[in-house]
Every structure is written in C-alpha cells, then in structure tokens.
Amino acid sequence: LDLKNPTLGSTSADLKKGNLLLWLPAKGGLPTRAGWFWAKGTDHTVRSLNYLVNSYFLTVGQNSHLQVNLAPDNRGQAPAGEQALLRNFGTYLHALYATNYAEGAVAMANVKGCGSLASLFDADPYTSWSATKNGTNIEFTIQLPKAQTFDVVKLQENIRDHGQLISQFEVDVHLDGTWKKVGQG
C-alpha cells in the first residue's frame, strides 16, 4: 500500500484492478476539552455532550472512526468532567441503539439479489443482501411493522465479504401520501 499515492481513497481505475474495492478507514480525533492539554483551572473547558454526539455523527456516521482524546490531569487521571462526559456519551449511545425499529420489517428491492432481504434487519453484520448486477438506482422499500417515529437511520454494508459497493445513498420516507427525502450521503 503506497500511502503517498495521490489516488489513495479514490475510486480511480488503478484501485479497481483488484477483486474488491476495499474500504480505507479514516480517523477523526477530538479532545474532550477546548484544548488538547489539561492545565490547572481549565475544568470549565470540557466539551458538551451535544458536541460529542455531533462529532460522532460526523465521523462514525460518515464511515470513519472516532478517537476521543482525554487529557490526564496532574495525577495522571481523567478529570471528573471528562469522566462524566464519557459516561453520559455511553448512556446516549446505548439508548440510541437500544431499539431496532426495523425488526420485523419487510423489504422489497427493484433488482434481484444474492442473500435474503430479511438479513437487512438482523443483528449479524456479516449476513447481507447484494444486487446480482452492478448498477445505479438500486432501490429498497422497507415496510416497518408499525408506524414509527425516529431520527437516526443506520446503514452499513458487508465490506468484509463484498468490498465497498455503495458510493452514495438517499433515504426517503413516505409521509402523508408522498415520498420525502430525509437524508443522503
């Protein structure tokens, strides 16, 4: 792997010579306080939970890793403010993923595929469905088991077995008799 290759991370022709387009993870690091280092009297500079949640969606939510950096105090320990922030963040993430609103959903696709469409909703990241042909505008319609209110959609692909196949997506919801785009990436 040539880390200085100007095409690294692109979908240029030289990357497509292999069997699979491999995902190259990015990493986003952020400090838990306004600066990178702890200093006496700076406990008021601890970032908010809202900042950490937004950072999570802008990194992990965009197919990257999030590295939260703690600045140890003069005892070599994480200060109380950072400990509380990380506990609250863990509580938030646990609640975020506690309910799978798609459990029991039914999916339909506009193309034939390999694998079961039911695998789209199971808890195993290595079961998957993939289209039998390459193409654009592959659509899924997902009928939830009941009306739901939610504000996060988690999408992922089985890159271990199939490589990266999706380069862009759009999420639409059917509201009041019409389709409305609510997200894209």
C-alpha atoms as a PDB file:
ATOM      1  CA  LEU A   1       0.000   0.000   0.000  1.00  0.00           C
ATOM      2  CA  ASP A   2       1.547   3.274  -1.129  1.00  0.00           C
ATOM      3  CA  LEU A   3       0.364   5.891   1.392  1.00  0.00           C
ATOM      4  CA  LYS A   4       1.685   8.700  -0.821  1.00  0.00           C
ATOM      5  CA  ASN A   5      -0.303   7.609  -3.872  1.00  0.00           C
ATOM      6  CA  PRO A   6      -2.453  10.609  -4.891  1.00  0.00           C
ATOM      7  CA  THR A   7      -5.329   8.241  -5.784  1.00  0.00           C
ATOM      8  CA  LEU A   8      -5.407   6.637  -2.318  1.00  0.00           C
ATOM      9  CA  GLY A   9      -9.021   6.524  -1.175  1.00  0.00           C
ATOM     10  CA  SER A  10     -10.460   7.394  -4.570  1.00  0.00           C
ATOM     11  CA  THR A  11     -12.339   5.098  -6.910  1.00  0.00           C
ATOM     12  CA  SER A  12      -9.857   5.614  -9.722  1.00  0.00           C
ATOM     13  CA  ALA A  13      -9.184   2.881 -12.258  1.00  0.00           C
ATOM     14  CA  ASP A  14      -5.987   1.650 -10.593  1.00  0.00           C
ATOM     15  CA  LEU A  15      -7.901   0.806  -7.410  1.00  0.00           C
ATOM     16  CA  LYS A  16     -10.485  -1.151  -9.379  1.00  0.00           C
ATOM     17  CA  LYS A  17      -7.904  -3.659 -10.676  1.00  0.00           C
ATOM     18  CA  GLY A  18      -8.405  -5.892  -7.605  1.00  0.00           C
ATOM     19  CA  ASN A  19     -11.276  -8.214  -6.836  1.00  0.00           C
ATOM     20  CA  LEU A  20     -12.880  -5.881  -4.284  1.00  0.00           C
ATOM     21  CA  LEU A  21     -12.828  -2.149  -3.657  1.00  0.00           C
ATOM     22  CA  LEU A  22     -11.517  -2.082  -0.109  1.00  0.00           C
ATOM     23  CA  TRP A  23     -12.662   0.432   2.444  1.00  0.00           C
ATOM     24  CA  LEU A  24      -9.843   2.573   3.796  1.00  0.00           C
ATOM     25  CA  PRO A  25     -10.959   3.850   7.213  1.00  0.00           C
ATOM     26  CA  ALA A  26     -10.410   7.430   8.180  1.00  0.00           C
ATOM     27  CA  LYS A  27      -9.981   8.535  11.774  1.00  0.00           C
ATOM     28  CA  GLY A  28     -11.338  11.643  13.409  1.00  0.00           C
ATOM     29  CA  GLY A  29      -9.780  12.688  16.687  1.00  0.00           C
ATOM     30  CA  LEU A  30     -11.131  15.285  19.043  1.00  0.00           C
ATOM     31  CA  PRO A  31     -10.201  16.440  22.504  1.00  0.00           C
ATOM     32  CA  THR A  32     -12.744  16.387  25.321  1.00  0.00           C
ATOM     33  CA  ARG A  33     -11.821  19.955  26.207  1.00  0.00           C
ATOM     34  CA  ALA A  34     -11.309  23.152  24.235  1.00  0.00           C
ATOM     35  CA  GLY A  35      -7.550  22.496  24.087  1.00  0.00           C
ATOM     36  CA  TRP A  36      -5.522  19.318  23.771  1.00  0.00           C
ATOM     37  CA  PHE A  37      -3.866  19.514  27.202  1.00  0.00           C
ATOM     38  CA  TRP A  38      -5.039  19.725  30.784  1.00  0.00           C
ATOM     39  CA  ALA A  39      -3.994  22.718  32.847  1.00  0.00           C
ATOM     40  CA  LYS A  40      -4.984  23.676  36.365  1.00  0.00           C
ATOM     41  CA  GLY A  41      -8.129  25.799  36.314  1.00  0.00           C
ATOM     42  CA  THR A  42      -9.328  24.571  32.905  1.00  0.00           C
ATOM     43  CA  ASP A  43     -12.056  22.186  34.091  1.00  0.00           C
ATOM     44  CA  HIS A  44     -14.641  24.627  32.737  1.00  0.00           C
ATOM     45  CA  THR A  45     -13.403  23.977  29.176  1.00  0.00           C
ATOM     46  CA  VAL A  46     -14.811  20.422  28.941  1.00  0.00           C
ATOM     47  CA  ARG A  47     -16.839  19.951  25.750  1.00  0.00           C
ATOM     48  CA  SER A  48     -20.570  19.340  25.908  1.00  0.00           C
ATOM     49  CA  LEU A  49     -22.376  16.077  25.284  1.00  0.00           C
ATOM     50  CA  ASN A  50     -24.017  17.752  22.285  1.00  0.00           C
ATOM     51  CA  TYR A  51     -20.554  18.448  20.810  1.00  0.00           C
ATOM     52  CA  LEU A  52     -19.513  14.819  21.282  1.00  0.00           C
ATOM     53  CA  VAL A  53     -22.767  13.477  19.783  1.00  0.00           C
ATOM     54  CA  ASN A  54     -22.449  15.776  16.742  1.00  0.00           C
ATOM     55  CA  SER A  55     -18.813  14.682  16.329  1.00  0.00           C
ATOM     56  CA  TYR A  56     -19.938  11.046  16.494  1.00  0.00           C
ATOM     57  CA  PHE A  57     -22.405  11.509  13.645  1.00  0.00           C
ATOM     58  CA  LEU A  58     -19.869  13.471  11.565  1.00  0.00           C
ATOM     59  CA  THR A  59     -17.218  10.745  11.928  1.00  0.00           C
ATOM     60  CA  VAL A  60     -18.742   7.325  12.653  1.00  0.00           C
ATOM     61  CA  GLY A  61     -21.891   8.394  10.835  1.00  0.00           C
ATOM     62  CA  GLN A  62     -19.793   9.167   7.762  1.00  0.00           C
ATOM     63  CA  ASN A  63     -17.898   5.841   7.747  1.00  0.00           C
ATOM     64  CA  SER A  64     -14.935   6.887   9.882  1.00  0.00           C
ATOM     65  CA  HIS A  65     -13.519   6.100  13.311  1.00  0.00           C
ATOM     66  CA  LEU A  66     -13.874   8.494  16.237  1.00  0.00           C
ATOM     67  CA  GLN A  67     -10.993   8.785  18.643  1.00  0.00           C
ATOM     68  CA  VAL A  68     -11.886  10.731  21.763  1.00  0.00           C
ATOM     69  CA  ASN A  69      -8.755  12.162  23.354  1.00  0.00           C
ATOM     70  CA  LEU A  70      -8.600  12.652  27.108  1.00  0.00           C
ATOM     71  CA  ALA A  71      -6.055  14.954  28.708  1.00  0.00           C
ATOM     72  CA  PRO A  72      -4.901  13.431  32.009  1.00  0.00           C
ATOM     73  CA  ASP A  73      -4.580  15.811  34.932  1.00  0.00           C
ATOM     74  CA  ASN A  74      -1.527  16.236  37.192  1.00  0.00           C
ATOM     75  CA  ARG A  75      -2.420  12.925  38.930  1.00  0.00           C
ATOM     76  CA  GLY A  76      -2.341  11.080  35.592  1.00  0.00           C
ATOM     77  CA  GLN A  77      -6.108  10.504  35.717  1.00  0.00           C
ATOM     78  CA  ALA A  78      -9.014  11.663  33.610  1.00  0.00           C
ATOM     79  CA  PRO A  79     -10.572  14.668  35.362  1.00  0.00           C
ATOM     80  CA  ALA A  80     -14.099  14.313  36.741  1.00  0.00           C
ATOM     81  CA  GLY A  81     -15.596  16.452  33.951  1.00  0.00           C
ATOM     82  CA  GLU A  82     -14.245  14.165  31.233  1.00  0.00           C
ATOM     83  CA  GLN A  83     -15.327  11.052  33.150  1.00  0.00           C
ATOM     84  CA  ALA A  84     -18.866  12.405  33.405  1.00  0.00           C
ATOM     85  CA  LEU A  85     -18.867  13.364  29.717  1.00  0.00           C
ATOM     86  CA  LEU A  86     -17.843   9.857  28.638  1.00  0.00           C
ATOM     87  CA  ARG A  87     -20.386   8.200  30.957  1.00  0.00           C
ATOM     88  CA  ASN A  88     -23.136  10.416  29.518  1.00  0.00           C
ATOM     89  CA  PHE A  89     -21.936   9.685  25.974  1.00  0.00           C
ATOM     90  CA  GLY A  90     -22.018   5.929  26.672  1.00  0.00           C
ATOM     91  CA  THR A  91     -25.550   6.258  28.060  1.00  0.00           C
ATOM     92  CA  TYR A  92     -26.582   8.200  24.950  1.00  0.00           C
ATOM     93  CA  LEU A  93     -25.118   5.588  22.559  1.00  0.00           C
ATOM     94  CA  HIS A  94     -26.724   2.730  24.493  1.00  0.00           C
ATOM     95  CA  ALA A  95     -30.131   4.424  24.245  1.00  0.00           C
ATOM     96  CA  LEU A  96     -29.553   5.287  20.559  1.00  0.00           C
ATOM     97  CA  TYR A  97     -29.087   1.639  19.596  1.00  0.00           C
ATOM     98  CA  ALA A  98     -31.411   0.060  22.184  1.00  0.00           C
ATOM     99  CA  THR A  99     -34.371  -0.321  19.819  1.00  0.00           C
ATOM    100  CA  ASN A 100     -34.246  -1.746  16.311  1.00  0.00           C
ATOM    101  CA  TYR A 101     -37.306  -0.141  14.734  1.00  0.00           C
ATOM    102  CA  ALA A 102     -36.824  -2.262  11.602  1.00  0.00           C
ATOM    103  CA  GLU A 103     -37.125  -5.568  13.474  1.00  0.00           C
ATOM    104  CA  GLY A 104     -39.924  -7.487  11.765  1.00  0.00           C
ATOM    105  CA  ALA A 105     -39.866  -5.178   8.729  1.00  0.00           C
ATOM    106  CA  VAL A 106     -40.350  -6.425   5.178  1.00  0.00           C
ATOM    107  CA  ALA A 107     -38.050  -5.309   2.359  1.00  0.00           C
ATOM    108  CA  MET A 108     -38.523  -5.268  -1.389  1.00  0.00           C
ATOM    109  CA  ALA A 109     -35.856  -4.424  -3.968  1.00  0.00           C
ATOM    110  CA  ASN A 110     -36.148  -3.255  -7.568  1.00  0.00           C
ATOM    111  CA  VAL A 111     -33.435  -5.730  -8.681  1.00  0.00           C
ATOM    112  CA  LYS A 112     -32.643  -9.378  -7.996  1.00  0.00           C
ATOM    113  CA  GLY A 113     -30.007 -10.145  -5.423  1.00  0.00           C
ATOM    114  CA  CYS A 114     -27.975 -12.702  -3.538  1.00  0.00           C
ATOM    115  CA  GLY A 115     -28.886 -13.406   0.055  1.00  0.00           C
ATOM    116  CA  SER A 116     -32.059 -12.863   1.993  1.00  0.00           C
ATOM    117  CA  LEU A 117     -33.643  -9.429   2.225  1.00  0.00           C
ATOM    118  CA  ALA A 118     -34.512 -10.373   5.829  1.00  0.00           C
ATOM    119  CA  SER A 119     -30.769 -10.208   6.589  1.00  0.00           C
ATOM    120  CA  LEU A 120     -31.028  -6.435   6.210  1.00  0.00           C
ATOM    121  CA  PHE A 121     -32.622  -6.304   9.653  1.00  0.00           C
ATOM    122  CA  ASP A 122     -30.803  -8.962  11.644  1.00  0.00           C
ATOM    123  CA  ALA A 123     -28.103  -8.254  14.191  1.00  0.00           C
ATOM    124  CA  ASP A 124     -25.304 -10.026  12.269  1.00  0.00           C
ATOM    125  CA  PRO A 125     -23.089  -7.574  10.328  1.00  0.00           C
ATOM    126  CA  TYR A 126     -21.850 -10.413   8.102  1.00  0.00           C
ATOM    127  CA  THR A 127     -25.173 -11.548   6.701  1.00  0.00           C
ATOM    128  CA  SER A 128     -26.099  -9.467   3.731  1.00  0.00           C
ATOM    129  CA  TRP A 129     -28.016  -8.984   0.554  1.00  0.00           C
ATOM    130  CA  SER A 130     -26.333  -7.681  -2.583  1.00  0.00           C
ATOM    131  CA  ALA A 131     -27.608  -6.957  -6.055  1.00  0.00           C
ATOM    132  CA  THR A 132     -26.733  -9.582  -8.655  1.00  0.00           C
ATOM    133  CA  LYS A 133     -25.811  -6.855 -11.121  1.00  0.00           C
ATOM    134  CA  ASN A 134     -23.850  -3.671 -10.773  1.00  0.00           C
ATOM    135  CA  GLY A 135     -25.822  -0.588 -11.412  1.00  0.00           C
ATOM    136  CA  THR A 136     -27.192   2.653 -10.207  1.00  0.00           C
ATOM    137  CA  ASN A 137     -30.531   3.459  -8.682  1.00  0.00           C
ATOM    138  CA  ILE A 138     -30.914   0.228  -6.794  1.00  0.00           C
ATOM    139  CA  GLU A 139     -33.880   0.818  -4.523  1.00  0.00           C
ATOM    140  CA  PHE A 140     -35.189  -0.845  -1.390  1.00  0.00           C
ATOM    141  CA  THR A 141     -38.608  -0.261   0.007  1.00  0.00           C
ATOM    142  CA  ILE A 142     -38.840  -1.142   3.667  1.00  0.00           C
ATOM    143  CA  GLN A 143     -42.234  -1.562   5.283  1.00  0.00           C
ATOM    144  CA  LEU A 144     -41.877  -1.184   9.033  1.00  0.00           C
ATOM    145  CA  PRO A 145     -44.097  -3.424  11.182  1.00  0.00           C
ATOM    146  CA  LYS A 146     -45.886  -0.366  12.568  1.00  0.00           C
ATOM    147  CA  ALA A 147     -45.743   3.417  12.342  1.00  0.00           C
ATOM    148  CA  GLN A 148     -42.547   4.662  13.972  1.00  0.00           C
ATOM    149  CA  THR A 149     -41.027   7.985  14.904  1.00  0.00           C
ATOM    150  CA  PHE A 150     -37.225   8.037  14.678  1.00  0.00           C
ATOM    151  CA  ASP A 151     -34.438  10.435  13.813  1.00  0.00           C
ATOM    152  CA  VAL A 152     -31.496   8.120  13.032  1.00  0.00           C
ATOM    153  CA  VAL A 153     -31.125   5.605  10.208  1.00  0.00           C
ATOM    154  CA  LYS A 154     -28.165   3.235  10.453  1.00  0.00           C
ATOM    155  CA  LEU A 155     -26.971   1.830   7.123  1.00  0.00           C
ATOM    156  CA  GLN A 156     -23.907  -0.338   6.630  1.00  0.00           C
ATOM    157  CA  GLU A 157     -22.561  -2.775   4.081  1.00  0.00           C
ATOM    158  CA  ASN A 158     -20.708  -6.061   4.449  1.00  0.00           C
ATOM    159  CA  ILE A 159     -17.336  -4.859   3.217  1.00  0.00           C
ATOM    160  CA  ARG A 160     -15.557  -7.939   4.574  1.00  0.00           C
ATOM    161  CA  ASP A 161     -17.207 -10.229   2.007  1.00  0.00           C
ATOM    162  CA  HIS A 162     -18.129  -7.878  -0.831  1.00  0.00           C
ATOM    163  CA  GLY A 163     -15.867  -4.836  -0.587  1.00  0.00           C
ATOM    164  CA  GLN A 164     -17.304  -1.364  -0.861  1.00  0.00           C
ATOM    165  CA  LEU A 165     -20.156  -1.358  -3.354  1.00  0.00           C
ATOM    166  CA  ILE A 166     -22.141   1.730  -2.384  1.00  0.00           C
ATOM    167  CA  SER A 167     -20.762   5.135  -3.313  1.00  0.00           C
ATOM    168  CA  GLN A 168     -23.831   7.192  -2.457  1.00  0.00           C
ATOM    169  CA  PHE A 169     -27.289   6.763  -0.999  1.00  0.00           C
ATOM    170  CA  GLU A 170     -30.517   8.575  -0.276  1.00  0.00           C
ATOM    171  CA  VAL A 171     -33.154   7.902   2.381  1.00  0.00           C
ATOM    172  CA  ASP A 172     -36.768   8.763   1.629  1.00  0.00           C
ATOM    173  CA  VAL A 173     -39.810   8.296   3.840  1.00  0.00           C
ATOM    174  CA  HIS A 174     -43.455   8.021   2.876  1.00  0.00           C
ATOM    175  CA  LEU A 175     -45.354  10.698   4.800  1.00  0.00           C
ATOM    176  CA  ASP A 176     -48.892  11.872   4.230  1.00  0.00           C
ATOM    177  CA  GLY A 177     -49.145  10.046   0.900  1.00  0.00           C
ATOM    178  CA  THR A 178     -45.924  11.358  -0.622  1.00  0.00           C
ATOM    179  CA  TRP A 179     -42.238  10.426  -0.623  1.00  0.00           C
ATOM    180  CA  LYS A 180     -39.885  12.923   1.042  1.00  0.00           C
ATOM    181  CA  LYS A 181     -36.076  12.829   1.007  1.00  0.00           C
ATOM    182  CA  VAL A 182     -34.799  12.995   4.603  1.00  0.00           C
ATOM    183  CA  GLY A 183     -31.134  12.116   4.168  1.00  0.00           C
ATOM    184  CA  GLN A 184     -28.309  11.387   1.781  1.00  0.00           C
ATOM    185  CA  GLY A 185     -24.644  10.571   1.897  1.00  0.00           C
END
